[in-house]
Amino acid sequence: MKTTPLHPRFGVRIDGVDLRRVSAADGFPEIRALFEEHSLLLFKDQQVDDAEHVRLCRLFGPMEDRSQGEPDPEPGEIGGVTNLRADGTLASAGDLRTLNLQANMLWHTDSTFLPVPALINMIVPRVLPSEGGATEFASARAAFERLEPELQARLEGTFLWHRYSHSRARISPALARQGIFTMWPDQCWRAVWENPVNGRKSLYVASHAYGVEGMGAAEGQAFINDLLARATAPDNVYAHRWAIGDVLAWDERAVLHRGTPWPYEQQRTLGSYCTTAQESDGLASIRPTDWSARNRELLEVFPR
């Protein structure tokens, strides 16, 4: 495999591999090592159908399930990011599906609102618009390493609270009331995730984060906003302009991302699957030991 940097601080393009031939024993160990080191992996000119997409994701771990055993209702969609509605029409500018896609244009880490967060997201574009629709990435690992030592130490003892509807409410109160965004209890995670393979630490924050333990609502939100602004400084961002044949996978422990606009009268469909983090991925390092007590206390300040 040949690697080419995507950004001075993170991300590589990997050439010389056909992902259809990668297996747990052949090729994947090298890919996983590059994933741990570089956080963002790009493969070009691949021929990956839906079945291959799922197979490749499962090499990283169990597939994420947000359905709780129920059919996933509009406007969310498991396994796809698209403005194409079930009836074959395109969602209009004010449609809940479009509003949900616009919420994805806030800087975020996937699945911080779930009882077990994501390890990776892997995207394969299926239909692309004539312009726009790039996805931007920022290294949360590089962001943490650039912080002042005093703030780094403080963050290692800081816990953030995450709620799916919080990010959606920033776009539309009506969107935030949809059942798919209110079905999960709030989640509490440490603000720093240490990679168990190499010991490097990342800022663990998202647009879903709404509260900081030990702070009031306004102070906490300002603190979260400042962390996001630092992490997504322009010199820490890589913008990916999609092409059919791309396969892009990133480490949710170490990378923030967001979508960008495109002409909504044109279809944009990306196949997107996440896998769930496991204990071997360092999950215990971000999980509080007294979650129930923390939840009761915080809900007095931030009612649902």
C-alpha atoms as a PDB file:
ATOM      1  CA  MET A   1       0.000   0.000   0.000  1.00  0.00           C
ATOM      2  CA  LYS A   2       1.186   3.501  -0.842  1.00  0.00           C
ATOM      3  CA  THR A   3       0.057   6.431   1.336  1.00  0.00           C
ATOM      4  CA  THR A   4      -0.172  10.126   0.511  1.00  0.00           C
ATOM      5  CA  PRO A   5      -1.028  12.743   3.175  1.00  0.00           C
ATOM      6  CA  LEU A   6      -4.407  14.475   2.889  1.00  0.00           C
ATOM      7  CA  HIS A   7      -3.506  17.145   5.455  1.00  0.00           C
ATOM      8  CA  PRO A   8      -0.273  17.956   7.317  1.00  0.00           C
ATOM      9  CA  ARG A   9      -1.782  16.821  10.637  1.00  0.00           C
ATOM     10  CA  PHE A  10      -4.022  13.880   9.745  1.00  0.00           C
ATOM     11  CA  GLY A  11      -5.463  11.732   7.002  1.00  0.00           C
ATOM     12  CA  VAL A  12      -3.926   9.674   4.195  1.00  0.00           C
ATOM     13  CA  ARG A  13      -4.929   8.500   0.762  1.00  0.00           C
ATOM     14  CA  ILE A  14      -4.179   4.798   0.341  1.00  0.00           C
ATOM     15  CA  ASP A  15      -3.379   3.461  -3.106  1.00  0.00           C
ATOM     16  CA  GLY A  16      -2.525  -0.036  -4.274  1.00  0.00           C
ATOM     17  CA  VAL A  17      -5.398  -1.882  -2.645  1.00  0.00           C
ATOM     18  CA  ASP A  18      -8.681  -3.302  -3.952  1.00  0.00           C
ATOM     19  CA  LEU A  19     -11.047  -3.210  -0.978  1.00  0.00           C
ATOM     20  CA  ARG A  20     -13.046  -6.120  -2.383  1.00  0.00           C
ATOM     21  CA  ARG A  21     -10.015  -8.349  -1.711  1.00  0.00           C
ATOM     22  CA  VAL A  22      -9.392  -7.135   1.843  1.00  0.00           C
ATOM     23  CA  SER A  23     -10.149  -9.625   4.605  1.00  0.00           C
ATOM     24  CA  ALA A  24      -9.530  -9.821   8.339  1.00  0.00           C
ATOM     25  CA  ALA A  25      -6.292 -11.719   7.689  1.00  0.00           C
ATOM     26  CA  ASP A  26      -5.206 -10.103   4.432  1.00  0.00           C
ATOM     27  CA  GLY A  27      -4.886  -6.328   4.152  1.00  0.00           C
ATOM     28  CA  PHE A  28      -7.063  -5.287   7.061  1.00  0.00           C
ATOM     29  CA  PRO A  29      -4.333  -5.382   9.756  1.00  0.00           C
ATOM     30  CA  GLU A  30      -2.348  -2.851   7.708  1.00  0.00           C
ATOM     31  CA  ILE A  31      -5.452  -0.706   7.143  1.00  0.00           C
ATOM     32  CA  ARG A  32      -6.334  -0.790  10.839  1.00  0.00           C
ATOM     33  CA  ALA A  33      -2.796   0.313  11.744  1.00  0.00           C
ATOM     34  CA  LEU A  34      -3.071   3.252   9.339  1.00  0.00           C
ATOM     35  CA  PHE A  35      -6.493   4.072  10.820  1.00  0.00           C
ATOM     36  CA  GLU A  36      -5.041   4.229  14.332  1.00  0.00           C
ATOM     37  CA  GLU A  37      -2.171   6.426  13.180  1.00  0.00           C
ATOM     38  CA  HIS A  38      -3.826   8.813  10.711  1.00  0.00           C
ATOM     39  CA  SER A  39      -7.535   8.857  11.761  1.00  0.00           C
ATOM     40  CA  LEU A  40      -8.876   9.464   8.223  1.00  0.00           C
ATOM     41  CA  LEU A  41      -8.434   7.068   5.302  1.00  0.00           C
ATOM     42  CA  LEU A  42      -9.313   7.697   1.644  1.00  0.00           C
ATOM     43  CA  PHE A  43      -9.455   4.988  -1.014  1.00  0.00           C
ATOM     44  CA  LYS A  44     -10.012   6.096  -4.621  1.00  0.00           C
ATOM     45  CA  ASP A  45     -11.453   4.298  -7.649  1.00  0.00           C
ATOM     46  CA  GLN A  46     -13.040   1.475  -5.668  1.00  0.00           C
ATOM     47  CA  GLN A  47     -15.984  -0.694  -6.732  1.00  0.00           C
ATOM     48  CA  VAL A  48     -17.801  -1.230  -3.445  1.00  0.00           C
ATOM     49  CA  ASP A  49     -21.478  -2.168  -3.542  1.00  0.00           C
ATOM     50  CA  ASP A  50     -23.775  -2.095  -0.508  1.00  0.00           C
ATOM     51  CA  ALA A  51     -22.928  -5.643   0.572  1.00  0.00           C
ATOM     52  CA  GLU A  52     -19.179  -4.969   0.331  1.00  0.00           C
ATOM     53  CA  HIS A  53     -19.671  -1.706   2.206  1.00  0.00           C
ATOM     54  CA  VAL A  54     -21.239  -3.523   5.157  1.00  0.00           C
ATOM     55  CA  ARG A  55     -18.631  -6.297   5.058  1.00  0.00           C
ATOM     56  CA  LEU A  56     -15.782  -3.789   5.211  1.00  0.00           C
ATOM     57  CA  CYS A  57     -17.373  -1.933   8.122  1.00  0.00           C
ATOM     58  CA  ARG A  58     -17.775  -5.150  10.083  1.00  0.00           C
ATOM     59  CA  LEU A  59     -14.026  -5.681   9.966  1.00  0.00           C
ATOM     60  CA  PHE A  60     -13.814  -2.744  12.402  1.00  0.00           C
ATOM     61  CA  GLY A  61     -16.531  -3.994  14.747  1.00  0.00           C
ATOM     62  CA  PRO A  62     -20.272  -4.508  15.190  1.00  0.00           C
ATOM     63  CA  MET A  63     -22.596  -2.438  13.036  1.00  0.00           C
ATOM     64  CA  GLU A  64     -24.362   0.411  14.784  1.00  0.00           C
ATOM     65  CA  ASP A  65     -28.138   0.150  15.187  1.00  0.00           C
ATOM     66  CA  ARG A  66     -30.119   3.300  16.003  1.00  0.00           C
ATOM     67  CA  SER A  67     -33.509   1.757  15.430  1.00  0.00           C
ATOM     68  CA  GLN A  68     -34.098   0.157  18.869  1.00  0.00           C
ATOM     69  CA  GLY A  69     -35.766  -2.616  16.925  1.00  0.00           C
ATOM     70  CA  GLU A  70     -38.285  -0.308  15.259  1.00  0.00           C
ATOM     71  CA  PRO A  71     -38.449   0.876  11.638  1.00  0.00           C
ATOM     72  CA  ASP A  72     -36.465   4.097  11.259  1.00  0.00           C
ATOM     73  CA  PRO A  73     -38.969   6.907  10.532  1.00  0.00           C
ATOM     74  CA  GLU A  74     -38.601  10.028   8.432  1.00  0.00           C
ATOM     75  CA  PRO A  75     -36.490  12.107   8.365  1.00  0.00           C
ATOM     76  CA  GLY A  76     -33.650   9.856   9.550  1.00  0.00           C
ATOM     77  CA  GLU A  77     -32.228   6.975   7.591  1.00  0.00           C
ATOM     78  CA  ILE A  78     -29.959   4.183   8.711  1.00  0.00           C
ATOM     79  CA  GLY A  79     -27.179   3.546   6.248  1.00  0.00           C
ATOM     80  CA  GLY A  80     -27.703   6.559   4.025  1.00  0.00           C
ATOM     81  CA  VAL A  81     -27.405  10.329   3.864  1.00  0.00           C
ATOM     82  CA  THR A  82     -29.721  11.543   1.117  1.00  0.00           C
ATOM     83  CA  ASN A  83     -32.275  14.138   0.111  1.00  0.00           C
ATOM     84  CA  LEU A  84     -34.218  11.474  -1.812  1.00  0.00           C
ATOM     85  CA  ARG A  85     -37.526  10.655  -0.159  1.00  0.00           C
ATOM     86  CA  ALA A  86     -39.065   7.180  -0.001  1.00  0.00           C
ATOM     87  CA  ASP A  87     -41.546   8.095  -2.748  1.00  0.00           C
ATOM     88  CA  GLY A  88     -38.730   8.938  -5.164  1.00  0.00           C
ATOM     89  CA  THR A  89     -39.078  12.726  -4.943  1.00  0.00           C
ATOM     90  CA  LEU A  90     -36.443  15.135  -3.663  1.00  0.00           C
ATOM     91  CA  ALA A  91     -36.994  16.851  -0.335  1.00  0.00           C
ATOM     92  CA  SER A  92     -37.724  20.575  -0.589  1.00  0.00           C
ATOM     93  CA  ALA A  93     -35.730  23.244   1.234  1.00  0.00           C
ATOM     94  CA  GLY A  94     -38.084  23.319   4.230  1.00  0.00           C
ATOM     95  CA  ASP A  95     -38.685  19.579   4.446  1.00  0.00           C
ATOM     96  CA  LEU A  96     -37.699  17.839   7.693  1.00  0.00           C
ATOM     97  CA  ARG A  97     -35.313  15.605   5.767  1.00  0.00           C
ATOM     98  CA  THR A  98     -33.521  18.658   4.370  1.00  0.00           C
ATOM     99  CA  LEU A  99     -33.439  20.291   7.796  1.00  0.00           C
ATOM    100  CA  ASN A 100     -31.871  17.133   9.203  1.00  0.00           C
ATOM    101  CA  LEU A 101     -29.202  17.257   6.501  1.00  0.00           C
ATOM    102  CA  GLN A 102     -28.566  20.889   7.417  1.00  0.00           C
ATOM    103  CA  ALA A 103     -28.091  19.849  11.039  1.00  0.00           C
ATOM    104  CA  ASN A 104     -25.310  17.595   9.762  1.00  0.00           C
ATOM    105  CA  MET A 105     -23.610  20.795   8.590  1.00  0.00           C
ATOM    106  CA  LEU A 106     -22.811  21.574  12.223  1.00  0.00           C
ATOM    107  CA  TRP A 107     -19.433  20.269  13.362  1.00  0.00           C
ATOM    108  CA  HIS A 108     -20.034  16.951  15.063  1.00  0.00           C
ATOM    109  CA  THR A 109     -18.865  13.495  15.995  1.00  0.00           C
ATOM    110  CA  ASP A 110     -21.371  10.768  15.155  1.00  0.00           C
ATOM    111  CA  SER A 111     -23.353   8.934  17.807  1.00  0.00           C
ATOM    112  CA  THR A 112     -22.170  10.678  20.969  1.00  0.00           C
ATOM    113  CA  PHE A 113     -25.882  10.587  21.923  1.00  0.00           C
ATOM    114  CA  LEU A 114     -26.027   6.770  21.888  1.00  0.00           C
ATOM    115  CA  PRO A 115     -25.451   4.491  24.901  1.00  0.00           C
ATOM    116  CA  VAL A 116     -22.344   3.233  23.075  1.00  0.00           C
ATOM    117  CA  PRO A 117     -20.766   5.717  20.640  1.00  0.00           C
ATOM    118  CA  ALA A 118     -19.301   5.030  17.218  1.00  0.00           C
ATOM    119  CA  LEU A 119     -15.780   3.930  16.349  1.00  0.00           C
ATOM    120  CA  ILE A 120     -15.856   4.638  12.617  1.00  0.00           C
ATOM    121  CA  ASN A 121     -18.017   6.028   9.872  1.00  0.00           C
ATOM    122  CA  MET A 122     -17.392   4.724   6.374  1.00  0.00           C
ATOM    123  CA  ILE A 123     -18.957   6.551   3.424  1.00  0.00           C
ATOM    124  CA  VAL A 124     -19.346   5.493  -0.198  1.00  0.00           C
ATOM    125  CA  PRO A 125     -20.971   8.117  -2.481  1.00  0.00           C
ATOM    126  CA  ARG A 126     -23.759   6.818  -4.730  1.00  0.00           C
ATOM    127  CA  VAL A 127     -25.255   9.930  -6.404  1.00  0.00           C
ATOM    128  CA  LEU A 128     -23.534  13.319  -6.419  1.00  0.00           C
ATOM    129  CA  PRO A 129     -24.750  16.824  -7.355  1.00  0.00           C
ATOM    130  CA  SER A 130     -23.047  18.898 -10.026  1.00  0.00           C
ATOM    131  CA  GLU A 131     -21.516  21.182  -7.387  1.00  0.00           C
ATOM    132  CA  GLY A 132     -21.161  21.600  -3.631  1.00  0.00           C
ATOM    133  CA  GLY A 133     -21.811  18.854  -1.110  1.00  0.00           C
ATOM    134  CA  ALA A 134     -18.236  18.473   0.137  1.00  0.00           C
ATOM    135  CA  THR A 135     -17.578  17.031   3.581  1.00  0.00           C
ATOM    136  CA  GLU A 136     -15.132  18.793   5.882  1.00  0.00           C
ATOM    137  CA  PHE A 137     -13.017  17.095   8.540  1.00  0.00           C
ATOM    138  CA  ALA A 138     -11.030  18.424  11.498  1.00  0.00           C
ATOM    139  CA  SER A 139      -8.546  16.510  13.619  1.00  0.00           C
ATOM    140  CA  ALA A 140      -9.722  16.422  17.230  1.00  0.00           C
ATOM    141  CA  ARG A 141      -6.386  14.809  18.102  1.00  0.00           C
ATOM    142  CA  ALA A 142      -4.354  17.672  16.667  1.00  0.00           C
ATOM    143  CA  ALA A 143      -6.786  20.085  18.320  1.00  0.00           C
ATOM    144  CA  PHE A 144      -6.158  18.587  21.758  1.00  0.00           C
ATOM    145  CA  GLU A 145      -2.403  18.581  21.256  1.00  0.00           C
ATOM    146  CA  ARG A 146      -2.487  22.312  20.430  1.00  0.00           C
ATOM    147  CA  LEU A 147      -4.309  23.278  23.635  1.00  0.00           C
ATOM    148  CA  GLU A 148      -2.522  24.840  26.575  1.00  0.00           C
ATOM    149  CA  PRO A 149      -1.253  22.192  29.042  1.00  0.00           C
ATOM    150  CA  GLU A 150      -3.475  23.614  31.788  1.00  0.00           C
ATOM    151  CA  LEU A 151      -6.586  23.237  29.633  1.00  0.00           C
ATOM    152  CA  GLN A 152      -5.551  19.733  28.558  1.00  0.00           C
ATOM    153  CA  ALA A 153      -5.312  18.672  32.198  1.00  0.00           C
ATOM    154  CA  ARG A 154      -8.643  20.285  33.001  1.00  0.00           C
ATOM    155  CA  LEU A 155     -10.399  18.564  30.097  1.00  0.00           C
ATOM    156  CA  GLU A 156      -9.191  15.128  31.157  1.00  0.00           C
ATOM    157  CA  GLY A 157     -11.355  15.547  34.256  1.00  0.00           C
ATOM    158  CA  THR A 158     -14.273  17.187  32.428  1.00  0.00           C
ATOM    159  CA  PHE A 159     -17.489  15.418  31.383  1.00  0.00           C
ATOM    160  CA  LEU A 160     -19.822  16.634  28.642  1.00  0.00           C
ATOM    161  CA  TRP A 161     -23.480  15.749  28.210  1.00  0.00           C
ATOM    162  CA  HIS A 162     -24.882  14.886  24.786  1.00  0.00           C
ATOM    163  CA  ARG A 163     -28.439  14.925  23.448  1.00  0.00           C
ATOM    164  CA  TYR A 164     -29.434  14.203  19.834  1.00  0.00           C
ATOM    165  CA  SER A 165     -32.286  16.720  19.814  1.00  0.00           C
ATOM    166  CA  HIS A 166     -29.927  19.485  20.963  1.00  0.00           C
ATOM    167  CA  SER A 167     -28.136  19.698  17.628  1.00  0.00           C
ATOM    168  CA  ARG A 168     -31.430  19.436  15.732  1.00  0.00           C
ATOM    169  CA  ALA A 169     -33.017  22.236  17.786  1.00  0.00           C
ATOM    170  CA  ARG A 170     -30.291  24.568  16.528  1.00  0.00           C
ATOM    171  CA  ILE A 171     -31.788  24.137  13.061  1.00  0.00           C
ATOM    172  CA  SER A 172     -35.512  23.714  13.769  1.00  0.00           C
ATOM    173  CA  PRO A 173     -37.577  23.150  16.948  1.00  0.00           C
ATOM    174  CA  ALA A 174     -40.005  21.056  14.889  1.00  0.00           C
ATOM    175  CA  LEU A 175     -37.153  18.827  13.749  1.00  0.00           C
ATOM    176  CA  ALA A 176     -35.918  18.388  17.328  1.00  0.00           C
ATOM    177  CA  ARG A 177     -39.335  17.101  18.426  1.00  0.00           C
ATOM    178  CA  GLN A 178     -39.252  14.144  16.022  1.00  0.00           C
ATOM    179  CA  GLY A 179     -39.213  10.801  17.804  1.00  0.00           C
ATOM    180  CA  ILE A 180     -35.955   9.678  16.231  1.00  0.00           C
ATOM    181  CA  PHE A 181     -34.177  12.556  17.978  1.00  0.00           C
ATOM    182  CA  THR A 182     -35.824  12.182  21.404  1.00  0.00           C
ATOM    183  CA  MET A 183     -35.798   8.393  21.812  1.00  0.00           C
ATOM    184  CA  TRP A 184     -32.371   8.152  23.460  1.00  0.00           C
ATOM    185  CA  PRO A 185     -31.538   9.143  27.050  1.00  0.00           C
ATOM    186  CA  ASP A 186     -28.842  11.773  27.476  1.00  0.00           C
ATOM    187  CA  GLN A 187     -25.274  10.479  27.483  1.00  0.00           C
ATOM    188  CA  CYS A 188     -22.272  11.589  29.512  1.00  0.00           C
ATOM    189  CA  TRP A 189     -18.724  11.202  28.172  1.00  0.00           C
ATOM    190  CA  ARG A 190     -15.301  12.448  29.194  1.00  0.00           C
ATOM    191  CA  ALA A 191     -14.102  15.332  27.023  1.00  0.00           C
ATOM    192  CA  VAL A 192     -10.896  13.476  26.092  1.00  0.00           C
ATOM    193  CA  TRP A 193     -10.581  10.058  24.436  1.00  0.00           C
ATOM    194  CA  GLU A 194      -7.210   8.320  24.696  1.00  0.00           C
ATOM    195  CA  ASN A 195      -6.289   5.905  21.917  1.00  0.00           C
ATOM    196  CA  PRO A 196      -5.259   2.624  23.610  1.00  0.00           C
ATOM    197  CA  VAL A 197      -2.949   1.677  20.724  1.00  0.00           C
ATOM    198  CA  ASN A 198      -0.691   4.735  20.667  1.00  0.00           C
ATOM    199  CA  GLY A 199      -1.704   6.719  23.760  1.00  0.00           C
ATOM    200  CA  ARG A 200      -2.586   9.846  21.785  1.00  0.00           C
ATOM    201  CA  LYS A 201      -5.489  11.865  23.131  1.00  0.00           C
ATOM    202  CA  SER A 202      -8.322  13.575  21.270  1.00  0.00           C
ATOM    203  CA  LEU A 203     -10.862  16.213  22.146  1.00  0.00           C
ATOM    204  CA  TYR A 204     -14.230  14.434  22.315  1.00  0.00           C
ATOM    205  CA  VAL A 205     -16.941  16.981  21.584  1.00  0.00           C
ATOM    206  CA  ALA A 206     -19.824  17.412  19.150  1.00  0.00           C
ATOM    207  CA  SER A 207     -22.731  19.650  18.173  1.00  0.00           C
ATOM    208  CA  HIS A 208     -24.824  17.232  20.285  1.00  0.00           C
ATOM    209  CA  ALA A 209     -22.992  18.368  23.441  1.00  0.00           C
ATOM    210  CA  TYR A 210     -25.173  20.675  25.517  1.00  0.00           C
ATOM    211  CA  GLY A 211     -23.842  20.636  29.077  1.00  0.00           C
ATOM    212  CA  VAL A 212     -20.612  20.655  31.052  1.00  0.00           C
ATOM    213  CA  GLU A 213     -20.564  19.225  34.534  1.00  0.00           C
ATOM    214  CA  GLY A 214     -19.905  21.925  37.110  1.00  0.00           C
ATOM    215  CA  MET A 215     -21.085  24.762  34.851  1.00  0.00           C
ATOM    216  CA  GLY A 216     -24.401  26.491  34.307  1.00  0.00           C
ATOM    217  CA  ALA A 217     -26.189  26.256  30.982  1.00  0.00           C
ATOM    218  CA  ALA A 218     -24.872  29.455  29.398  1.00  0.00           C
ATOM    219  CA  GLU A 219     -21.327  29.035  30.705  1.00  0.00           C
ATOM    220  CA  GLY A 220     -21.216  25.408  29.622  1.00  0.00           C
ATOM    221  CA  GLN A 221     -22.471  26.117  26.111  1.00  0.00           C
ATOM    222  CA  ALA A 222     -19.905  28.895  25.712  1.00  0.00           C
ATOM    223  CA  PHE A 223     -17.186  26.470  26.844  1.00  0.00           C
ATOM    224  CA  ILE A 224     -18.335  23.841  24.319  1.00  0.00           C
ATOM    225  CA  ASN A 225     -18.532  26.431  21.539  1.00  0.00           C
ATOM    226  CA  ASP A 226     -14.979  27.548  22.296  1.00  0.00           C
ATOM    227  CA  LEU A 227     -13.690  23.965  22.134  1.00  0.00           C
ATOM    228  CA  LEU A 228     -15.410  23.410  18.787  1.00  0.00           C
ATOM    229  CA  ALA A 229     -14.027  26.671  17.407  1.00  0.00           C
ATOM    230  CA  ARG A 230     -10.496  25.758  18.454  1.00  0.00           C
ATOM    231  CA  ALA A 231     -10.788  22.269  16.999  1.00  0.00           C
ATOM    232  CA  THR A 232     -12.123  23.471  13.650  1.00  0.00           C
ATOM    233  CA  ALA A 233      -9.725  26.340  13.009  1.00  0.00           C
ATOM    234  CA  PRO A 234      -9.227  26.660   9.231  1.00  0.00           C
ATOM    235  CA  ASP A 235      -5.655  25.319   9.323  1.00  0.00           C
ATOM    236  CA  ASN A 236      -6.906  22.134  11.018  1.00  0.00           C
ATOM    237  CA  VAL A 237      -9.535  21.293   8.373  1.00  0.00           C
ATOM    238  CA  TYR A 238      -9.459  19.013   5.322  1.00  0.00           C
ATOM    239  CA  ALA A 239     -12.313  19.449   2.799  1.00  0.00           C
ATOM    240  CA  HIS A 240     -13.143  16.351   0.761  1.00  0.00           C
ATOM    241  CA  ARG A 241     -14.824  16.817  -2.618  1.00  0.00           C
ATOM    242  CA  TRP A 242     -16.521  13.558  -3.416  1.00  0.00           C
ATOM    243  CA  ALA A 243     -16.103  11.458  -6.554  1.00  0.00           C
ATOM    244  CA  ILE A 244     -17.835   8.211  -7.440  1.00  0.00           C
ATOM    245  CA  GLY A 245     -15.482   5.383  -6.452  1.00  0.00           C
ATOM    246  CA  ASP A 246     -14.351   7.048  -3.225  1.00  0.00           C
ATOM    247  CA  VAL A 247     -14.405   5.165   0.061  1.00  0.00           C
ATOM    248  CA  LEU A 248     -13.691   7.343   3.079  1.00  0.00           C
ATOM    249  CA  ALA A 249     -13.429   6.050   6.645  1.00  0.00           C
ATOM    250  CA  TRP A 250     -12.616   8.038   9.755  1.00  0.00           C
ATOM    251  CA  ASP A 251     -12.017   7.544  13.448  1.00  0.00           C
ATOM    252  CA  GLU A 252     -14.951   8.977  15.391  1.00  0.00           C
ATOM    253  CA  ARG A 253     -12.727   9.148  18.473  1.00  0.00           C
ATOM    254  CA  ALA A 254     -10.364  11.573  16.769  1.00  0.00           C
ATOM    255  CA  VAL A 255     -12.146  13.419  13.936  1.00  0.00           C
ATOM    256  CA  LEU A 256     -14.949  15.988  13.723  1.00  0.00           C
ATOM    257  CA  HIS A 257     -16.841  16.470  10.470  1.00  0.00           C
ATOM    258  CA  ARG A 258     -19.646  18.387   8.813  1.00  0.00           C
ATOM    259  CA  GLY A 259     -21.447  18.480   5.483  1.00  0.00           C
ATOM    260  CA  THR A 260     -21.628  21.514   3.212  1.00  0.00           C
ATOM    261  CA  PRO A 261     -24.555  22.786   1.058  1.00  0.00           C
ATOM    262  CA  TRP A 262     -25.372  21.860  -2.525  1.00  0.00           C
ATOM    263  CA  PRO A 263     -28.275  22.708  -4.864  1.00  0.00           C
ATOM    264  CA  TYR A 264     -31.164  20.931  -3.148  1.00  0.00           C
ATOM    265  CA  GLU A 265     -33.002  20.407  -6.437  1.00  0.00           C
ATOM    266  CA  GLN A 266     -30.253  17.867  -7.196  1.00  0.00           C
ATOM    267  CA  GLN A 267     -29.915  14.460  -5.560  1.00  0.00           C
ATOM    268  CA  ARG A 268     -27.041  13.738  -3.204  1.00  0.00           C
ATOM    269  CA  THR A 269     -26.886  10.247  -1.739  1.00  0.00           C
ATOM    270  CA  LEU A 270     -24.033   8.889   0.335  1.00  0.00           C
ATOM    271  CA  GLY A 271     -23.977   5.353   1.689  1.00  0.00           C
ATOM    272  CA  SER A 272     -22.971   5.778   5.332  1.00  0.00           C
ATOM    273  CA  TYR A 273     -22.455   3.140   8.019  1.00  0.00           C
ATOM    274  CA  CYS A 274     -21.017   3.400  11.515  1.00  0.00           C
ATOM    275  CA  THR A 275     -19.589   0.669  13.679  1.00  0.00           C
ATOM    276  CA  THR A 276     -19.867   0.707  17.456  1.00  0.00           C
ATOM    277  CA  ALA A 277     -16.844   1.270  19.688  1.00  0.00           C
ATOM    278  CA  GLN A 278     -15.751  -1.658  21.858  1.00  0.00           C
ATOM    279  CA  GLU A 279     -13.817  -1.874  25.109  1.00  0.00           C
ATOM    280  CA  SER A 280     -10.654  -2.581  23.111  1.00  0.00           C
ATOM    281  CA  ASP A 281     -11.111   0.844  21.459  1.00  0.00           C
ATOM    282  CA  GLY A 282     -10.721   2.648  24.799  1.00  0.00           C
ATOM    283  CA  LEU A 283     -14.396   2.993  25.662  1.00  0.00           C
ATOM    284  CA  ALA A 284     -13.803   2.666  29.394  1.00  0.00           C
ATOM    285  CA  SER A 285     -11.566   5.740  29.372  1.00  0.00           C
ATOM    286  CA  ILE A 286     -14.472   8.065  28.539  1.00  0.00           C
ATOM    287  CA  ARG A 287     -17.273   6.390  30.489  1.00  0.00           C
ATOM    288  CA  PRO A 288     -18.174   7.836  33.913  1.00  0.00           C
ATOM    289  CA  THR A 289     -18.511   5.335  36.729  1.00  0.00           C
ATOM    290  CA  ASP A 290     -21.464   7.086  38.384  1.00  0.00           C
ATOM    291  CA  TRP A 291     -23.649   7.746  35.332  1.00  0.00           C
ATOM    292  CA  SER A 292     -27.023   7.448  37.068  1.00  0.00           C
ATOM    293  CA  ALA A 293     -26.212   9.997  39.754  1.00  0.00           C
ATOM    294  CA  ARG A 294     -24.779  12.377  37.185  1.00  0.00           C
ATOM    295  CA  ASN A 295     -27.891  12.027  35.038  1.00  0.00           C
ATOM    296  CA  ARG A 296     -30.272  12.825  37.881  1.00  0.00           C
ATOM    297  CA  GLU A 297     -28.287  15.897  38.880  1.00  0.00           C
ATOM    298  CA  LEU A 298     -27.889  17.254  35.371  1.00  0.00           C
ATOM    299  CA  LEU A 299     -31.519  16.871  34.380  1.00  0.00           C
ATOM    300  CA  GLU A 300     -32.398  19.295  37.153  1.00  0.00           C
ATOM    301  CA  VAL A 301     -30.395  21.941  35.269  1.00  0.00           C
ATOM    302  CA  PHE A 302     -31.093  20.827  31.691  1.00  0.00           C
ATOM    303  CA  PRO A 303     -34.617  19.322  31.558  1.00  0.00           C
ATOM    304  CA  ARG A 304     -35.541  17.483  28.382  1.00  0.00           C
END
